Each structure stands twice: as C-alpha cells, then as structure tokens.
C-alpha atoms as a PDB file:
ATOM      1  CA  MET A   1     130.844  74.471  43.610  1.00  0.00           C
ATOM      2  CA  GLY A   2     129.316  73.389  46.925  1.00  0.00           C
ATOM      3  CA  LEU A   3     125.789  72.430  47.759  1.00  0.00           C
ATOM      4  CA  GLU A   4     125.181  75.823  49.347  1.00  0.00           C
ATOM      5  CA  GLN A   5     125.836  77.591  46.053  1.00  0.00           C
ATOM      6  CA  LYS A   6     123.765  75.143  44.059  1.00  0.00           C
ATOM      7  CA  PHE A   7     120.706  74.892  46.345  1.00  0.00           C
ATOM      8  CA  GLY A   8     120.986  78.035  48.432  1.00  0.00           C
ATOM      9  CA  ASP A   9     120.641  78.073  52.196  1.00  0.00           C
ATOM     10  CA  MET A  10     119.083  74.693  53.055  1.00  0.00           C
ATOM     11  CA  GLY A  11     118.778  75.470  56.747  1.00  0.00           C
ATOM     12  CA  ILE A  12     118.136  72.864  59.393  1.00  0.00           C
ATOM     13  CA  VAL A  13     115.373  70.318  59.208  1.00  0.00           C
ATOM     14  CA  THR A  14     113.773  69.495  62.538  1.00  0.00           C
ATOM     15  CA  VAL A  15     111.234  66.866  63.340  1.00  0.00           C
ATOM     16  CA  SER A  16     109.913  65.441  66.569  1.00  0.00           C
ATOM     17  CA  LEU A  17     111.029  62.008  67.715  1.00  0.00           C
ATOM     18  CA  GLU A  18     107.438  60.758  67.471  1.00  0.00           C
ATOM     19  CA  LYS A  19     107.187  61.774  63.816  1.00  0.00           C
ATOM     20  CA  ALA A  20     110.554  60.207  62.958  1.00  0.00           C
ATOM     21  CA  VAL A  21     109.721  56.922  64.694  1.00  0.00           C
ATOM     22  CA  GLY A  22     106.245  56.866  63.105  1.00  0.00           C
ATOM     23  CA  TRP A  23     107.733  57.420  59.669  1.00  0.00           C
ATOM     24  CA  ALA A  24     110.330  54.678  60.198  1.00  0.00           C
ATOM     25  CA  ARG A  25     107.792  52.161  61.537  1.00  0.00           C
ATOM     26  CA  SER A  26     105.262  52.811  58.797  1.00  0.00           C
ATOM     27  CA  ASN A  27     107.809  52.376  56.010  1.00  0.00           C
ATOM     28  CA  ALA A  28     109.395  49.179  57.352  1.00  0.00           C
ATOM     29  CA  ILE A  29     106.473  46.870  58.107  1.00  0.00           C
ATOM     30  CA  TRP A  30     107.266  43.156  58.071  1.00  0.00           C
ATOM     31  CA  PRO A  31     104.084  41.180  57.396  1.00  0.00           C
ATOM     32  CA  MET A  32     103.432  37.642  58.589  1.00  0.00           C
ATOM     33  CA  LEU A  33     101.324  35.644  56.230  1.00  0.00           C
ATOM     34  CA  PHE A  34      98.336  33.857  57.669  1.00  0.00           C
ATOM     35  CA  GLY A  35      96.445  32.698  54.601  1.00  0.00           C
ATOM     36  CA  LEU A  36      93.567  30.372  55.342  1.00  0.00           C
ATOM     37  CA  ALA A  37      91.403  30.340  52.207  1.00  0.00           C
ATOM     38  CA  CYS A  38      90.875  31.947  48.801  1.00  0.00           C
ATOM     39  CA  CYS A  39      91.940  35.407  50.053  1.00  0.00           C
ATOM     40  CA  ALA A  40      95.454  34.020  50.483  1.00  0.00           C
ATOM     41  CA  ILE A  41      95.833  33.738  46.698  1.00  0.00           C
ATOM     42  CA  GLU A  42      95.076  37.457  46.336  1.00  0.00           C
ATOM     43  CA  MET A  43      97.480  38.240  49.181  1.00  0.00           C
ATOM     44  CA  MET A  44     100.233  36.290  47.406  1.00  0.00           C
ATOM     45  CA  SER A  45      99.581  38.077  44.129  1.00  0.00           C
ATOM     46  CA  THR A  46      99.945  41.418  45.932  1.00  0.00           C
ATOM     47  CA  GLN A  47     103.530  40.425  46.670  1.00  0.00           C
ATOM     48  CA  GLY A  48     104.134  39.514  43.011  1.00  0.00           C
ATOM     49  CA  ALA A  49     105.660  41.583  40.228  1.00  0.00           C
ATOM     50  CA  ARG A  50     102.458  43.273  39.038  1.00  0.00           C
ATOM     51  CA  TYR A  51     101.499  44.864  42.370  1.00  0.00           C
ATOM     52  CA  ASP A  52     104.852  44.674  44.239  1.00  0.00           C
ATOM     53  CA  MET A  53     104.287  45.342  47.942  1.00  0.00           C
ATOM     54  CA  SER A  54     108.043  45.937  48.177  1.00  0.00           C
ATOM     55  CA  ARG A  55     107.328  49.531  47.159  1.00  0.00           C
ATOM     56  CA  PHE A  56     105.814  50.050  50.599  1.00  0.00           C
ATOM     57  CA  GLY A  57     108.699  48.626  52.632  1.00  0.00           C
ATOM     58  CA  MET A  58     107.310  45.092  52.821  1.00  0.00           C
ATOM     59  CA  GLU A  59     110.104  43.218  51.159  1.00  0.00           C
ATOM     60  CA  LEU A  60     108.897  39.700  51.894  1.00  0.00           C
ATOM     61  CA  MET A  61     106.344  37.845  53.955  1.00  0.00           C
ATOM     62  CA  ARG A  62     107.668  36.341  57.162  1.00  0.00           C
ATOM     63  CA  ALA A  63     106.748  32.828  58.240  1.00  0.00           C
ATOM     64  CA  SER A  64     107.897  33.410  61.807  1.00  0.00           C
ATOM     65  CA  PRO A  65     105.830  35.563  64.175  1.00  0.00           C
ATOM     66  CA  ARG A  66     108.983  36.647  66.017  1.00  0.00           C
ATOM     67  CA  GLN A  67     110.210  38.488  62.927  1.00  0.00           C
ATOM     68  CA  ALA A  68     106.934  40.150  61.942  1.00  0.00           C
ATOM     69  CA  ASP A  69     104.949  43.145  63.133  1.00  0.00           C
ATOM     70  CA  LEU A  70     101.908  42.877  60.849  1.00  0.00           C
ATOM     71  CA  MET A  71      99.559  39.910  60.693  1.00  0.00           C
ATOM     72  CA  ILE A  72      97.394  39.730  57.581  1.00  0.00           C
ATOM     73  CA  VAL A  73      94.558  37.303  58.323  1.00  0.00           C
ATOM     74  CA  ALA A  74      93.325  36.264  54.890  1.00  0.00           C
ATOM     75  CA  GLY A  75      90.276  34.013  54.847  1.00  0.00           C
ATOM     76  CA  ARG A  76      87.880  32.290  57.200  1.00  0.00           C
ATOM     77  CA  VAL A  77      89.030  31.330  60.682  1.00  0.00           C
ATOM     78  CA  SER A  78      87.582  28.143  62.130  1.00  0.00           C
ATOM     79  CA  ARG A  79      87.035  27.667  65.871  1.00  0.00           C
ATOM     80  CA  LYS A  80      89.840  25.081  65.869  1.00  0.00           C
ATOM     81  CA  MET A  81      92.251  27.545  64.253  1.00  0.00           C
ATOM     82  CA  ALA A  82      91.391  30.420  66.627  1.00  0.00           C
ATOM     83  CA  PRO A  83      93.784  29.377  69.460  1.00  0.00           C
ATOM     84  CA  VAL A  84      96.606  28.982  66.933  1.00  0.00           C
ATOM     85  CA  LEU A  85      95.919  32.461  65.577  1.00  0.00           C
ATOM     86  CA  ARG A  86      95.969  33.936  69.085  1.00  0.00           C
ATOM     87  CA  ASN A  87      99.178  32.085  69.944  1.00  0.00           C
ATOM     88  CA  LEU A  88     100.928  33.453  66.845  1.00  0.00           C
ATOM     89  CA  TYR A  89      99.680  36.958  67.633  1.00  0.00           C
ATOM     90  CA  ASP A  90     101.017  36.711  71.196  1.00  0.00           C
ATOM     91  CA  GLN A  91     104.452  35.663  69.874  1.00  0.00           C
ATOM     92  CA  MET A  92     104.773  38.787  67.724  1.00  0.00           C
ATOM     93  CA  PRO A  93     106.858  41.590  69.267  1.00  0.00           C
ATOM     94  CA  ASP A  94     105.303  44.960  70.110  1.00  0.00           C
ATOM     95  CA  PRO A  95     104.281  47.106  68.315  1.00  0.00           C
ATOM     96  CA  LYS A  96     102.116  44.834  66.194  1.00  0.00           C
ATOM     97  CA  TRP A  97      99.191  45.355  63.871  1.00  0.00           C
ATOM     98  CA  VAL A  98      96.494  43.203  62.245  1.00  0.00           C
ATOM     99  CA  ILE A  99      94.712  43.459  58.903  1.00  0.00           C
ATOM    100  CA  ALA A 100      91.533  41.406  58.437  1.00  0.00           C
ATOM    101  CA  MET A 101      91.496  40.628  54.726  1.00  0.00           C
ATOM    102  CA  GLY A 102      88.226  39.628  53.132  1.00  0.00           C
ATOM    103  CA  ASP A 103      84.655  39.247  54.278  1.00  0.00           C
ATOM    104  CA  CYS A 104      85.307  35.935  56.052  1.00  0.00           C
ATOM    105  CA  ALA A 105      88.032  37.380  58.266  1.00  0.00           C
ATOM    106  CA  SER A 106      86.050  40.583  58.847  1.00  0.00           C
ATOM    107  CA  CYS A 107      82.605  39.188  59.686  1.00  0.00           C
ATOM    108  CA  GLY A 108      82.403  35.479  58.843  1.00  0.00           C
ATOM    109  CA  GLY A 109      81.315  36.073  55.248  1.00  0.00           C
ATOM    110  CA  ILE A 110      78.806  33.566  53.913  1.00  0.00           C
ATOM    111  CA  PHE A 111      79.768  31.046  56.601  1.00  0.00           C
ATOM    112  CA  ASN A 112      77.193  31.852  59.273  1.00  0.00           C
ATOM    113  CA  ASN A 113      77.602  28.691  61.354  1.00  0.00           C
ATOM    114  CA  TYR A 114      79.066  27.437  64.604  1.00  0.00           C
ATOM    115  CA  ALA A 115      82.397  26.283  63.128  1.00  0.00           C
ATOM    116  CA  VAL A 116      83.574  29.632  61.705  1.00  0.00           C
ATOM    117  CA  VAL A 117      84.557  32.646  63.809  1.00  0.00           C
ATOM    118  CA  GLN A 118      82.278  35.562  62.921  1.00  0.00           C
ATOM    119  CA  GLY A 119      85.072  38.092  62.614  1.00  0.00           C
ATOM    120  CA  VAL A 120      88.697  37.716  63.616  1.00  0.00           C
ATOM    121  CA  ASP A 121      88.273  40.668  65.990  1.00  0.00           C
ATOM    122  CA  GLU A 122      86.832  38.142  68.465  1.00  0.00           C
ATOM    123  CA  ILE A 123      90.362  36.745  68.816  1.00  0.00           C
ATOM    124  CA  VAL A 124      92.825  39.561  68.090  1.00  0.00           C
ATOM    125  CA  PRO A 125      92.434  43.351  67.850  1.00  0.00           C
ATOM    126  CA  VAL A 126      92.078  44.424  64.211  1.00  0.00           C
ATOM    127  CA  ASP A 127      93.508  47.704  62.943  1.00  0.00           C
ATOM    128  CA  VAL A 128      92.283  47.703  59.325  1.00  0.00           C
ATOM    129  CA  TYR A 129      89.468  45.800  57.628  1.00  0.00           C
ATOM    130  CA  VAL A 130      89.806  45.051  53.909  1.00  0.00           C
ATOM    131  CA  ALA A 131      86.450  44.269  52.288  1.00  0.00           C
ATOM    132  CA  GLY A 132      85.771  41.951  49.381  1.00  0.00           C
ATOM    133  CA  CYS A 133      85.201  38.303  48.580  1.00  0.00           C
ATOM    134  CA  PRO A 134      88.037  37.890  47.797  1.00  0.00           C
ATOM    135  CA  PRO A 135      89.442  41.415  47.801  1.00  0.00           C
ATOM    136  CA  ARG A 136      91.576  42.424  44.853  1.00  0.00           C
ATOM    137  CA  PRO A 137      95.274  43.143  45.405  1.00  0.00           C
ATOM    138  CA  GLU A 138      94.596  46.863  44.926  1.00  0.00           C
ATOM    139  CA  THR A 139      92.192  46.724  47.876  1.00  0.00           C
ATOM    140  CA  LEU A 140      94.816  45.123  50.100  1.00  0.00           C
ATOM    141  CA  ILE A 141      97.327  47.771  49.054  1.00  0.00           C
ATOM    142  CA  ASP A 142      94.767  50.448  49.974  1.00  0.00           C
ATOM    143  CA  GLY A 143      94.355  48.818  53.389  1.00  0.00           C
ATOM    144  CA  ILE A 144      98.129  48.787  53.846  1.00  0.00           C
ATOM    145  CA  LEU A 145      98.308  52.492  52.983  1.00  0.00           C
ATOM    146  CA  LYS A 146      95.584  53.209  55.553  1.00  0.00           C
ATOM    147  CA  LEU A 147      97.538  51.220  58.137  1.00  0.00           C
ATOM    148  CA  GLN A 148     100.695  53.182  57.310  1.00  0.00           C
ATOM    149  CA  GLU A 149      98.843  56.450  57.945  1.00  0.00           C
ATOM    150  CA  LYS A 150      97.557  55.079  61.246  1.00  0.00           C
ATOM    151  CA  ILE A 151     101.079  54.034  62.291  1.00  0.00           C
ATOM    152  CA  LYS A 152     102.529  57.433  61.363  1.00  0.00           C
ATOM    153  CA  ASN A 153     100.041  59.163  63.665  1.00  0.00           C
ATOM    154  CA  GLU A 154     100.465  56.853  66.691  1.00  0.00           C
ATOM    155  CA  LYS A 155     101.893  58.268  69.894  1.00  0.00           C
ATOM    156  CA  LEU A 156     105.046  56.777  71.429  1.00  0.00           C
ATOM    157  CA  ALA A 157     103.484  56.748  74.903  1.00  0.00           C
ATOM    158  CA  LYS A 158     101.133  54.005  73.697  1.00  0.00           C
ATOM    159  CA  TRP A 159     104.017  51.497  73.589  1.00  0.00           C
ATOM    160  CA  GLN A 160     105.655  52.283  76.936  1.00  0.00           C
END
C-alpha cells in the first residue's frame, strides 16, 4: 500500500523562493543576549523550561555577535554603553533584527536624565518594541512572534 493509495493524489506543492526563505529565516532565529538590567532576568526566564523559546527555533542565546541574527536589548542603555551596543550590532551578519525589550530600552523608562539613552532606536534600528517594566516572558514571546511574521513577509531584494 503506497502513499498514493492512502492519501490520494497529493499533487505538487509549489512556493516562491521568497516565501521559502522567509519561512526558513523566521523559524531559525539565533538571538544574541544583551541584558543590561532587570529585563534580562525576564529574558532568561523566557529561555527556561516554563516558557521554552526553543519552540520557536531559538535553541540557545548566543554570546557572540558573529553567530547571531537577533539582538534583544533588555534594559536601560547608558551613554557609555551605547558605542559597545553599536559595535556589537555592526559585527552581526546580515540580515539582522533588533527587539527593544522593556520601557527603558524602548524610551528610557523612568530614567529621564543625561546618562541614559532615551530609546535604543537612537543607536540601532529597532524592529519590534516589547512594552513593560519589566515585561513578562509571555510579552517577549509575543514580540518574537510579531518579529517572525515580519521576517516571513520581507522581500529578498531588501538584502541584495
């Protein structure tokens, strides 16, 4: 008994190269951790057994920017740390994406002073903002799902 008899005529599945590449990229994201404050604890718990980011193709956090394509900036960024953040972002291979996790990374949070960057988008382009102080792991997972949808719909011509 062959597959044809069991399932009927399966036909041929066709998909465009853009859709196939988008699907592959969105389901194999390698995040680089960049935890700076209390949001980093929530980011670490998202990788733990209860929330398990491995379900979304993010097996483990990378410590090297050369092996990562997603930077999760978790916490407040000081003016002294800003050049380091930019340097790490520049070392990541294309295509690369950024998630600003928490109010401090998104807009400076409660730290409205000269020493804290008022939003990490002053330094690197941000693809998804995750709100909260600190955001719960479910919120980060929601941000990752939104980023996956964005990656699936990107055009290949953008990266040429």
